[in-house]
Amino acid sequence: MVTHKGPVRYGSSMILTGSKTSRPLSPFLQRVLVLDASAANGRMMAELVKDLGAGSIHAELSETQALETCKQLDPVLIITELSGPRLDGLKFTKALRRSALACRSVPVIMITAEATTGAILGARNAGVHEFLRKPFTLGDLSRRIEAVMLTRRDWVEAINYVGPDRRRFNSGDYRGPRKRRSDSTASEESGRIEQALRILKSALAAVETDPDQARRSIRAQAADLHAIAVRTNDMKLMNATAPLQRRLIAIGEAGPLSRGALETAAAALWPLMPKAAPERERVAI
């Protein structure tokens, strides 16, 4: 394992090292992909991740190369620079999230020295888990990795957005109490049902225009609704979800989608839509 002493230069920024991780991360970092347009910076990031216990680390210079590597490596964590020559971190993340790759839902940490509001929102809306501003300490990097590898984030499989629940974006920075009404145990399941049904409706509308993502989204919402029904012992929801599940089984993984048939199969679900929450508390789809 490489040990750094003192500050390390990462591009034009200084990374202050010496901070210790609060929890062992090596069991969660078997395969890591680093994406940076600068080969030197990519190697430096690889060394930093190695210090945190990473096993196999691959570095790529462009999003095209990175997507090809994803097919072979199946990484458990991706760390990407926001932008650079031949590199667009937002484009890469969106392509990954909307792909059929096995690693499409792995945590993505995005790094940049220019953390403008637009860049942060762009990362959030591309499906990035955490955003890290340079310069940063090894402890900062460790906290971001802990946040994405040790804490489960709900996954949103919608049409216009695919990625982790954006209400938990940059949770590695947050230490306070949960503030949203939908975060309370009493309303959590109702909020999940509402979100699944809203996404399902938009996915059905996209069957002809975006069939691949519509298929993934419809399957995900049916699975989520069934899981909620089992978890809450809600037989009404379970019975309403069953026709859609049967229809999806009949279609299979690659069978043609019929919007009309799917809408018929989902018809029993719409009366179960919870009372609409205030718009500020909804997860955009």
C-alpha atoms as a PDB file:
ATOM      1  CA  MET A   1       0.000   0.000   0.000  1.00  0.00           C
ATOM      2  CA  VAL A   2       1.314   3.436  -0.930  1.00  0.00           C
ATOM      3  CA  THR A   3       1.605   5.911   1.952  1.00  0.00           C
ATOM      4  CA  HIS A   4       1.557   9.646   1.262  1.00  0.00           C
ATOM      5  CA  LYS A   5       3.141  12.163   3.611  1.00  0.00           C
ATOM      6  CA  GLY A   6       2.073  15.787   3.481  1.00  0.00           C
ATOM      7  CA  PRO A   7       0.054  17.464   0.723  1.00  0.00           C
ATOM      8  CA  VAL A   8      -0.227  15.889  -2.703  1.00  0.00           C
ATOM      9  CA  ARG A   9      -0.650  17.895  -5.889  1.00  0.00           C
ATOM     10  CA  TYR A  10      -3.664  16.842  -7.957  1.00  0.00           C
ATOM     11  CA  GLY A  11      -3.696  18.874 -11.164  1.00  0.00           C
ATOM     12  CA  SER A  12      -3.749  22.534 -10.090  1.00  0.00           C
ATOM     13  CA  SER A  13      -5.128  21.748  -6.624  1.00  0.00           C
ATOM     14  CA  MET A  14      -3.636  20.445  -3.418  1.00  0.00           C
ATOM     15  CA  ILE A  15      -4.998  17.347  -1.713  1.00  0.00           C
ATOM     16  CA  LEU A  16      -4.269  17.459   1.986  1.00  0.00           C
ATOM     17  CA  THR A  17      -3.476  13.943   3.090  1.00  0.00           C
ATOM     18  CA  GLY A  18      -2.943  12.354   6.462  1.00  0.00           C
ATOM     19  CA  SER A  19      -6.601  11.993   7.484  1.00  0.00           C
ATOM     20  CA  LYS A  20      -7.521   8.494   8.585  1.00  0.00           C
ATOM     21  CA  THR A  21     -10.674   6.721   7.506  1.00  0.00           C
ATOM     22  CA  SER A  22     -13.290   6.124  10.172  1.00  0.00           C
ATOM     23  CA  ARG A  23     -14.251   2.666   8.878  1.00  0.00           C
ATOM     24  CA  PRO A  24     -12.329   0.019   6.899  1.00  0.00           C
ATOM     25  CA  LEU A  25     -13.279   0.388   3.243  1.00  0.00           C
ATOM     26  CA  SER A  26     -11.215  -2.343   1.567  1.00  0.00           C
ATOM     27  CA  PRO A  27     -14.033  -4.970   1.608  1.00  0.00           C
ATOM     28  CA  PHE A  28     -16.190  -2.567  -0.436  1.00  0.00           C
ATOM     29  CA  LEU A  29     -13.567  -1.468  -2.965  1.00  0.00           C
ATOM     30  CA  GLN A  30     -12.690  -4.602  -4.901  1.00  0.00           C
ATOM     31  CA  ARG A  31     -12.877  -2.951  -8.345  1.00  0.00           C
ATOM     32  CA  VAL A  32     -12.657   0.808  -8.851  1.00  0.00           C
ATOM     33  CA  LEU A  33     -12.761   2.791 -12.092  1.00  0.00           C
ATOM     34  CA  VAL A  34     -11.107   6.233 -12.176  1.00  0.00           C
ATOM     35  CA  LEU A  35     -11.984   8.548 -15.049  1.00  0.00           C
ATOM     36  CA  ASP A  36      -9.777  11.613 -15.646  1.00  0.00           C
ATOM     37  CA  ALA A  37      -8.640  13.296 -18.848  1.00  0.00           C
ATOM     38  CA  SER A  38      -5.156  13.701 -17.328  1.00  0.00           C
ATOM     39  CA  ALA A  39      -3.215  10.435 -17.080  1.00  0.00           C
ATOM     40  CA  ALA A  40      -1.092  11.871 -14.257  1.00  0.00           C
ATOM     41  CA  ASN A  41      -4.140  12.938 -12.266  1.00  0.00           C
ATOM     42  CA  GLY A  42      -5.764   9.575 -12.882  1.00  0.00           C
ATOM     43  CA  ARG A  43      -2.720   7.792 -11.492  1.00  0.00           C
ATOM     44  CA  MET A  44      -2.691  10.084  -8.468  1.00  0.00           C
ATOM     45  CA  MET A  45      -6.363   9.402  -7.745  1.00  0.00           C
ATOM     46  CA  ALA A  46      -5.711   5.688  -8.138  1.00  0.00           C
ATOM     47  CA  GLU A  47      -2.976   5.936  -5.500  1.00  0.00           C
ATOM     48  CA  LEU A  48      -5.303   7.787  -3.132  1.00  0.00           C
ATOM     49  CA  VAL A  49      -8.018   5.169  -3.561  1.00  0.00           C
ATOM     50  CA  LYS A  50      -5.392   2.475  -3.068  1.00  0.00           C
ATOM     51  CA  ASP A  51      -4.509   4.112   0.256  1.00  0.00           C
ATOM     52  CA  LEU A  52      -8.135   3.597   1.274  1.00  0.00           C
ATOM     53  CA  GLY A  53      -7.922  -0.121   0.585  1.00  0.00           C
ATOM     54  CA  ALA A  54      -9.003  -0.506  -3.041  1.00  0.00           C
ATOM     55  CA  GLY A  55      -8.077  -3.728  -4.805  1.00  0.00           C
ATOM     56  CA  SER A  56      -8.206  -3.594  -8.613  1.00  0.00           C
ATOM     57  CA  ILE A  57      -8.072   0.007  -9.897  1.00  0.00           C
ATOM     58  CA  HIS A  58      -8.427   0.979 -13.556  1.00  0.00           C
ATOM     59  CA  ALA A  59      -7.939   4.512 -14.920  1.00  0.00           C
ATOM     60  CA  GLU A  60      -9.349   5.779 -18.227  1.00  0.00           C
ATOM     61  CA  LEU A  61      -9.042   9.093 -20.087  1.00  0.00           C
ATOM     62  CA  SER A  62     -12.414   9.398 -21.864  1.00  0.00           C
ATOM     63  CA  GLU A  63     -16.026   8.412 -21.337  1.00  0.00           C
ATOM     64  CA  THR A  64     -15.927   6.144 -24.400  1.00  0.00           C
ATOM     65  CA  GLN A  65     -12.999   4.176 -22.993  1.00  0.00           C
ATOM     66  CA  ALA A  66     -14.601   4.148 -19.564  1.00  0.00           C
ATOM     67  CA  LEU A  67     -17.851   2.632 -20.828  1.00  0.00           C
ATOM     68  CA  GLU A  68     -15.884  -0.101 -22.607  1.00  0.00           C
ATOM     69  CA  THR A  69     -13.949  -0.803 -19.415  1.00  0.00           C
ATOM     70  CA  CYS A  70     -17.208  -1.013 -17.465  1.00  0.00           C
ATOM     71  CA  LYS A  71     -18.229  -3.968 -19.612  1.00  0.00           C
ATOM     72  CA  GLN A  72     -15.101  -5.889 -18.671  1.00  0.00           C
ATOM     73  CA  LEU A  73     -14.355  -4.640 -15.159  1.00  0.00           C
ATOM     74  CA  ASP A  74     -17.856  -4.403 -13.662  1.00  0.00           C
ATOM     75  CA  PRO A  75     -16.644  -1.790 -11.140  1.00  0.00           C
ATOM     76  CA  VAL A  76     -18.202  -1.374  -7.701  1.00  0.00           C
ATOM     77  CA  LEU A  77     -17.258   2.328  -7.568  1.00  0.00           C
ATOM     78  CA  ILE A  78     -16.548   4.991 -10.192  1.00  0.00           C
ATOM     79  CA  ILE A  79     -14.710   8.243  -9.518  1.00  0.00           C
ATOM     80  CA  THR A  80     -14.825  10.702 -12.406  1.00  0.00           C
ATOM     81  CA  GLU A  81     -13.640  14.209 -13.118  1.00  0.00           C
ATOM     82  CA  LEU A  82     -16.404  16.558 -14.248  1.00  0.00           C
ATOM     83  CA  SER A  83     -14.758  17.544 -17.533  1.00  0.00           C
ATOM     84  CA  GLY A  84     -11.572  17.678 -19.559  1.00  0.00           C
ATOM     85  CA  PRO A  85     -10.234  17.025 -23.072  1.00  0.00           C
ATOM     86  CA  ARG A  86     -12.198  14.082 -24.521  1.00  0.00           C
ATOM     87  CA  LEU A  87     -14.045  13.809 -21.200  1.00  0.00           C
ATOM     88  CA  ASP A  88     -17.550  14.791 -20.210  1.00  0.00           C
ATOM     89  CA  GLY A  89     -18.312  13.296 -16.794  1.00  0.00           C
ATOM     90  CA  LEU A  90     -21.995  14.209 -16.985  1.00  0.00           C
ATOM     91  CA  LYS A  91     -22.393  12.577 -20.407  1.00  0.00           C
ATOM     92  CA  PHE A  92     -20.610   9.464 -19.136  1.00  0.00           C
ATOM     93  CA  THR A  93     -22.819   9.181 -16.053  1.00  0.00           C
ATOM     94  CA  LYS A  94     -26.039   9.617 -18.030  1.00  0.00           C
ATOM     95  CA  ALA A  95     -24.920   7.018 -20.581  1.00  0.00           C
ATOM     96  CA  LEU A  96     -23.998   4.592 -17.804  1.00  0.00           C
ATOM     97  CA  ARG A  97     -27.311   5.024 -16.006  1.00  0.00           C
ATOM     98  CA  ARG A  98     -29.353   4.459 -19.171  1.00  0.00           C
ATOM     99  CA  SER A  99     -27.268   1.501 -20.365  1.00  0.00           C
ATOM    100  CA  ALA A 100     -27.887  -2.217 -19.914  1.00  0.00           C
ATOM    101  CA  LEU A 101     -24.523  -2.715 -18.181  1.00  0.00           C
ATOM    102  CA  ALA A 102     -24.461  -4.759 -14.992  1.00  0.00           C
ATOM    103  CA  CYS A 103     -22.753  -1.846 -13.217  1.00  0.00           C
ATOM    104  CA  ARG A 104     -25.254   0.813 -14.319  1.00  0.00           C
ATOM    105  CA  SER A 105     -26.333   1.540 -10.738  1.00  0.00           C
ATOM    106  CA  VAL A 106     -22.893   1.603  -9.074  1.00  0.00           C
ATOM    107  CA  PRO A 107     -22.014   4.676  -6.995  1.00  0.00           C
ATOM    108  CA  VAL A 108     -20.443   7.554  -8.929  1.00  0.00           C
ATOM    109  CA  ILE A 109     -18.401  10.267  -7.214  1.00  0.00           C
ATOM    110  CA  MET A 110     -17.702  13.374  -9.311  1.00  0.00           C
ATOM    111  CA  ILE A 111     -14.718  15.655  -8.682  1.00  0.00           C
ATOM    112  CA  THR A 112     -13.966  19.168  -9.907  1.00  0.00           C
ATOM    113  CA  ALA A 113     -12.172  22.349  -8.894  1.00  0.00           C
ATOM    114  CA  GLU A 114     -15.001  24.480 -10.310  1.00  0.00           C
ATOM    115  CA  ALA A 115     -17.973  23.564  -8.162  1.00  0.00           C
ATOM    116  CA  THR A 116     -20.470  26.065  -9.571  1.00  0.00           C
ATOM    117  CA  THR A 117     -24.178  25.771  -8.853  1.00  0.00           C
ATOM    118  CA  GLY A 118     -24.703  24.637 -12.431  1.00  0.00           C
ATOM    119  CA  ALA A 119     -22.052  21.934 -12.143  1.00  0.00           C
ATOM    120  CA  ILE A 120     -23.476  20.619  -8.883  1.00  0.00           C
ATOM    121  CA  LEU A 121     -27.039  20.526 -10.230  1.00  0.00           C
ATOM    122  CA  GLY A 122     -25.800  18.933 -13.442  1.00  0.00           C
ATOM    123  CA  ALA A 123     -24.088  16.171 -11.482  1.00  0.00           C
ATOM    124  CA  ARG A 124     -27.169  15.643  -9.325  1.00  0.00           C
ATOM    125  CA  ASN A 125     -29.442  15.385 -12.342  1.00  0.00           C
ATOM    126  CA  ALA A 126     -27.060  13.100 -14.254  1.00  0.00           C
ATOM    127  CA  GLY A 127     -27.294  10.426 -11.567  1.00  0.00           C
ATOM    128  CA  VAL A 128     -24.138  11.134  -9.544  1.00  0.00           C
ATOM    129  CA  HIS A 129     -24.141  10.009  -5.901  1.00  0.00           C
ATOM    130  CA  GLU A 130     -21.635  12.451  -4.437  1.00  0.00           C
ATOM    131  CA  PHE A 131     -19.852  15.627  -5.549  1.00  0.00           C
ATOM    132  CA  LEU A 132     -16.350  16.448  -4.259  1.00  0.00           C
ATOM    133  CA  ARG A 133     -14.734  19.850  -4.638  1.00  0.00           C
ATOM    134  CA  LYS A 134     -10.962  20.259  -5.026  1.00  0.00           C
ATOM    135  CA  PRO A 135      -8.874  20.784  -3.008  1.00  0.00           C
ATOM    136  CA  PHE A 136      -9.955  18.005  -0.661  1.00  0.00           C
ATOM    137  CA  THR A 137      -8.415  15.897   2.071  1.00  0.00           C
ATOM    138  CA  LEU A 138      -8.065  12.155   2.068  1.00  0.00           C
ATOM    139  CA  GLY A 139     -10.664  12.226   4.835  1.00  0.00           C
ATOM    140  CA  ASP A 140     -13.069  14.098   2.536  1.00  0.00           C
ATOM    141  CA  LEU A 141     -12.641  11.418  -0.119  1.00  0.00           C
ATOM    142  CA  SER A 142     -13.050   8.691   2.488  1.00  0.00           C
ATOM    143  CA  ARG A 143     -16.301  10.213   3.770  1.00  0.00           C
ATOM    144  CA  ARG A 144     -17.700  10.376   0.241  1.00  0.00           C
ATOM    145  CA  ILE A 145     -16.797   6.732  -0.347  1.00  0.00           C
ATOM    146  CA  GLU A 146     -18.286   5.707   3.005  1.00  0.00           C
ATOM    147  CA  ALA A 147     -21.485   7.576   2.143  1.00  0.00           C
ATOM    148  CA  VAL A 148     -21.948   5.743  -1.162  1.00  0.00           C
ATOM    149  CA  MET A 149     -20.660   2.291  -0.198  1.00  0.00           C
ATOM    150  CA  LEU A 150     -21.974   1.882   3.342  1.00  0.00           C
ATOM    151  CA  THR A 151     -25.335   3.678   3.183  1.00  0.00           C
ATOM    152  CA  ARG A 152     -28.140   2.434   0.964  1.00  0.00           C
ATOM    153  CA  ARG A 153     -29.748   4.975  -1.357  1.00  0.00           C
ATOM    154  CA  ASP A 154     -33.140   4.411  -2.957  1.00  0.00           C
ATOM    155  CA  TRP A 155     -32.865   3.967  -6.716  1.00  0.00           C
ATOM    156  CA  VAL A 156     -35.081   5.952  -9.099  1.00  0.00           C
ATOM    157  CA  GLU A 157     -35.696   4.224 -12.438  1.00  0.00           C
ATOM    158  CA  ALA A 158     -37.744   6.842 -14.259  1.00  0.00           C
ATOM    159  CA  ILE A 159     -37.834   8.082 -17.850  1.00  0.00           C
ATOM    160  CA  ASN A 160     -36.201  11.488 -17.508  1.00  0.00           C
ATOM    161  CA  TYR A 161     -34.003  10.519 -14.580  1.00  0.00           C
ATOM    162  CA  VAL A 162     -32.142   7.337 -13.673  1.00  0.00           C
ATOM    163  CA  GLY A 163     -30.028   7.293 -10.550  1.00  0.00           C
ATOM    164  CA  PRO A 164     -29.996   7.506  -6.757  1.00  0.00           C
ATOM    165  CA  ASP A 165     -32.665   9.404  -4.879  1.00  0.00           C
ATOM    166  CA  ARG A 166     -31.650  13.035  -5.413  1.00  0.00           C
ATOM    167  CA  ARG A 167     -32.981  14.062  -2.023  1.00  0.00           C
ATOM    168  CA  ARG A 168     -29.920  12.356  -0.528  1.00  0.00           C
ATOM    169  CA  PHE A 169     -27.402  13.972  -2.899  1.00  0.00           C
ATOM    170  CA  ASN A 170     -24.025  14.606  -1.207  1.00  0.00           C
ATOM    171  CA  SER A 171     -25.177  12.887   1.970  1.00  0.00           C
ATOM    172  CA  GLY A 172     -21.505  12.550   2.916  1.00  0.00           C
ATOM    173  CA  ASP A 173     -21.618  16.242   3.838  1.00  0.00           C
ATOM    174  CA  TYR A 174     -24.841  16.092   5.864  1.00  0.00           C
ATOM    175  CA  ARG A 175     -24.805  15.417   9.586  1.00  0.00           C
ATOM    176  CA  GLY A 176     -28.131  16.877  10.739  1.00  0.00           C
ATOM    177  CA  PRO A 177     -31.617  15.394  11.236  1.00  0.00           C
ATOM    178  CA  ARG A 178     -33.871  14.508   8.333  1.00  0.00           C
ATOM    179  CA  LYS A 179     -36.149  17.425   7.523  1.00  0.00           C
ATOM    180  CA  ARG A 180     -38.691  16.267   4.964  1.00  0.00           C
ATOM    181  CA  ARG A 181     -42.134  15.198   6.019  1.00  0.00           C
ATOM    182  CA  SER A 182     -41.791  12.248   3.647  1.00  0.00           C
ATOM    183  CA  ASP A 183     -38.725  11.140   5.636  1.00  0.00           C
ATOM    184  CA  SER A 184     -40.908  10.206   8.624  1.00  0.00           C
ATOM    185  CA  THR A 185     -41.771   6.548   9.088  1.00  0.00           C
ATOM    186  CA  ALA A 186     -45.507   7.293   9.021  1.00  0.00           C
ATOM    187  CA  SER A 187     -45.490   8.738   5.502  1.00  0.00           C
ATOM    188  CA  GLU A 188     -42.515   6.938   3.953  1.00  0.00           C
ATOM    189  CA  GLU A 189     -44.430   4.031   2.386  1.00  0.00           C
ATOM    190  CA  SER A 190     -47.178   6.314   1.117  1.00  0.00           C
ATOM    191  CA  GLY A 191     -44.526   8.470  -0.525  1.00  0.00           C
ATOM    192  CA  ARG A 192     -42.918   5.418  -2.117  1.00  0.00           C
ATOM    193  CA  ILE A 193     -46.263   4.293  -3.546  1.00  0.00           C
ATOM    194  CA  GLU A 194     -46.961   7.751  -4.928  1.00  0.00           C
ATOM    195  CA  GLN A 195     -43.542   7.986  -6.541  1.00  0.00           C
ATOM    196  CA  ALA A 196     -43.779   4.503  -8.076  1.00  0.00           C
ATOM    197  CA  LEU A 197     -47.197   5.224  -9.550  1.00  0.00           C
ATOM    198  CA  ARG A 198     -46.164   8.598 -10.951  1.00  0.00           C
ATOM    199  CA  ILE A 199     -43.083   7.063 -12.565  1.00  0.00           C
ATOM    200  CA  LEU A 200     -45.134   4.136 -13.863  1.00  0.00           C
ATOM    201  CA  LYS A 201     -47.566   6.523 -15.548  1.00  0.00           C
ATOM    202  CA  SER A 202     -44.739   8.384 -17.302  1.00  0.00           C
ATOM    203  CA  ALA A 203     -43.081   5.096 -18.296  1.00  0.00           C
ATOM    204  CA  LEU A 204     -46.278   3.824 -19.913  1.00  0.00           C
ATOM    205  CA  ALA A 205     -46.486   7.054 -21.886  1.00  0.00           C
ATOM    206  CA  ALA A 206     -42.921   6.482 -23.157  1.00  0.00           C
ATOM    207  CA  VAL A 207     -43.402   2.906 -24.422  1.00  0.00           C
ATOM    208  CA  GLU A 208     -43.313   3.976 -28.072  1.00  0.00           C
ATOM    209  CA  THR A 209     -40.704   6.737 -27.789  1.00  0.00           C
ATOM    210  CA  ASP A 210     -38.200   5.166 -25.371  1.00  0.00           C
ATOM    211  CA  PRO A 211     -39.030   1.446 -25.181  1.00  0.00           C
ATOM    212  CA  ASP A 212     -35.797   0.254 -23.556  1.00  0.00           C
ATOM    213  CA  GLN A 213     -35.960   2.676 -20.650  1.00  0.00           C
ATOM    214  CA  ALA A 214     -39.740   2.298 -20.422  1.00  0.00           C
ATOM    215  CA  ARG A 215     -39.296  -1.465 -20.016  1.00  0.00           C
ATOM    216  CA  ARG A 216     -36.704  -1.014 -17.246  1.00  0.00           C
ATOM    217  CA  SER A 217     -38.820   1.604 -15.517  1.00  0.00           C
ATOM    218  CA  ILE A 218     -42.080  -0.355 -15.628  1.00  0.00           C
ATOM    219  CA  ARG A 219     -40.361  -3.465 -14.265  1.00  0.00           C
ATOM    220  CA  ALA A 220     -38.745  -1.467 -11.488  1.00  0.00           C
ATOM    221  CA  GLN A 221     -42.006   0.157 -10.401  1.00  0.00           C
ATOM    222  CA  ALA A 222     -43.875  -3.160 -10.422  1.00  0.00           C
ATOM    223  CA  ALA A 223     -41.138  -4.695  -8.271  1.00  0.00           C
ATOM    224  CA  ASP A 224     -41.166  -1.718  -5.875  1.00  0.00           C
ATOM    225  CA  LEU A 225     -44.945  -1.800  -5.486  1.00  0.00           C
ATOM    226  CA  HIS A 226     -44.905  -5.541  -4.846  1.00  0.00           C
ATOM    227  CA  ALA A 227     -42.143  -5.126  -2.255  1.00  0.00           C
ATOM    228  CA  ILE A 228     -44.106  -2.385  -0.478  1.00  0.00           C
ATOM    229  CA  ALA A 229     -47.211  -4.574  -0.456  1.00  0.00           C
ATOM    230  CA  VAL A 230     -45.282  -7.457   1.092  1.00  0.00           C
ATOM    231  CA  ARG A 231     -43.531  -5.211   3.599  1.00  0.00           C
ATOM    232  CA  THR A 232     -46.758  -3.583   4.760  1.00  0.00           C
ATOM    233  CA  ASN A 233     -49.010  -6.638   4.344  1.00  0.00           C
ATOM    234  CA  ASP A 234     -51.188  -4.593   1.992  1.00  0.00           C
ATOM    235  CA  MET A 235     -53.274  -7.169   0.132  1.00  0.00           C
ATOM    236  CA  LYS A 236     -55.139  -4.518  -1.829  1.00  0.00           C
ATOM    237  CA  LEU A 237     -51.902  -3.177  -3.286  1.00  0.00           C
ATOM    238  CA  MET A 238     -50.579  -6.681  -3.878  1.00  0.00           C
ATOM    239  CA  ASN A 239     -53.717  -7.717  -5.794  1.00  0.00           C
ATOM    240  CA  ALA A 240     -53.650  -4.499  -7.828  1.00  0.00           C
ATOM    241  CA  THR A 241     -50.005  -5.046  -8.772  1.00  0.00           C
ATOM    242  CA  ALA A 242     -50.446  -8.716  -9.740  1.00  0.00           C
ATOM    243  CA  PRO A 243     -51.942  -8.157 -13.259  1.00  0.00           C
ATOM    244  CA  LEU A 244     -49.039  -5.899 -14.223  1.00  0.00           C
ATOM    245  CA  GLN A 245     -46.515  -8.427 -12.923  1.00  0.00           C
ATOM    246  CA  ARG A 246     -48.195 -11.213 -14.888  1.00  0.00           C
ATOM    247  CA  ARG A 247     -48.143  -9.087 -18.023  1.00  0.00           C
ATOM    248  CA  LEU A 248     -44.437  -8.363 -17.599  1.00  0.00           C
ATOM    249  CA  ILE A 249     -43.701 -12.059 -17.113  1.00  0.00           C
ATOM    250  CA  ALA A 250     -45.576 -12.828 -20.331  1.00  0.00           C
ATOM    251  CA  ILE A 251     -43.605 -10.176 -22.226  1.00  0.00           C
ATOM    252  CA  GLY A 252     -40.260 -11.444 -20.971  1.00  0.00           C
ATOM    253  CA  GLU A 253     -36.958  -9.608 -21.159  1.00  0.00           C
ATOM    254  CA  ALA A 254     -37.142  -8.710 -24.848  1.00  0.00           C
ATOM    255  CA  GLY A 255     -40.735  -9.201 -25.957  1.00  0.00           C
ATOM    256  CA  PRO A 256     -42.573  -6.353 -27.703  1.00  0.00           C
ATOM    257  CA  LEU A 257     -44.280  -3.812 -25.470  1.00  0.00           C
ATOM    258  CA  SER A 258     -47.920  -2.907 -26.008  1.00  0.00           C
ATOM    259  CA  ARG A 259     -48.899   0.311 -24.294  1.00  0.00           C
ATOM    260  CA  GLY A 260     -52.572  -0.578 -24.373  1.00  0.00           C
ATOM    261  CA  ALA A 261     -52.044  -4.001 -22.811  1.00  0.00           C
ATOM    262  CA  LEU A 262     -49.758  -2.598 -20.139  1.00  0.00           C
ATOM    263  CA  GLU A 263     -52.174   0.217 -19.298  1.00  0.00           C
ATOM    264  CA  THR A 264     -54.962  -2.341 -18.923  1.00  0.00           C
ATOM    265  CA  ALA A 265     -52.764  -4.433 -16.632  1.00  0.00           C
ATOM    266  CA  ALA A 266     -51.987  -1.362 -14.499  1.00  0.00           C
ATOM    267  CA  ALA A 267     -55.558  -0.040 -14.333  1.00  0.00           C
ATOM    268  CA  ALA A 268     -56.255  -1.345 -10.823  1.00  0.00           C
ATOM    269  CA  LEU A 269     -53.309   0.623  -9.427  1.00  0.00           C
ATOM    270  CA  TRP A 270     -54.457   4.165 -10.171  1.00  0.00           C
ATOM    271  CA  PRO A 271     -57.217   4.317  -7.508  1.00  0.00           C
ATOM    272  CA  LEU A 272     -54.493   3.543  -4.946  1.00  0.00           C
ATOM    273  CA  MET A 273     -52.576   6.763  -5.651  1.00  0.00           C
ATOM    274  CA  PRO A 274     -52.092   8.451  -2.243  1.00  0.00           C
ATOM    275  CA  LYS A 275     -53.234  11.990  -1.720  1.00  0.00           C
ATOM    276  CA  ALA A 276     -50.756  14.187  -3.531  1.00  0.00           C
ATOM    277  CA  ALA A 277     -47.927  15.548  -1.405  1.00  0.00           C
ATOM    278  CA  PRO A 278     -46.851  19.200  -1.783  1.00  0.00           C
ATOM    279  CA  GLU A 279     -44.734  19.607  -4.908  1.00  0.00           C
ATOM    280  CA  ARG A 280     -41.613  20.537  -2.974  1.00  0.00           C
ATOM    281  CA  GLU A 281     -41.606  17.122  -1.346  1.00  0.00           C
ATOM    282  CA  ARG A 282     -41.831  15.065  -4.502  1.00  0.00           C
ATOM    283  CA  VAL A 283     -38.997  13.405  -6.295  1.00  0.00           C
ATOM    284  CA  ALA A 284     -38.868  14.717  -9.836  1.00  0.00           C
ATOM    285  CA  ILE A 285     -39.234  12.058 -12.514  1.00  0.00           C
END
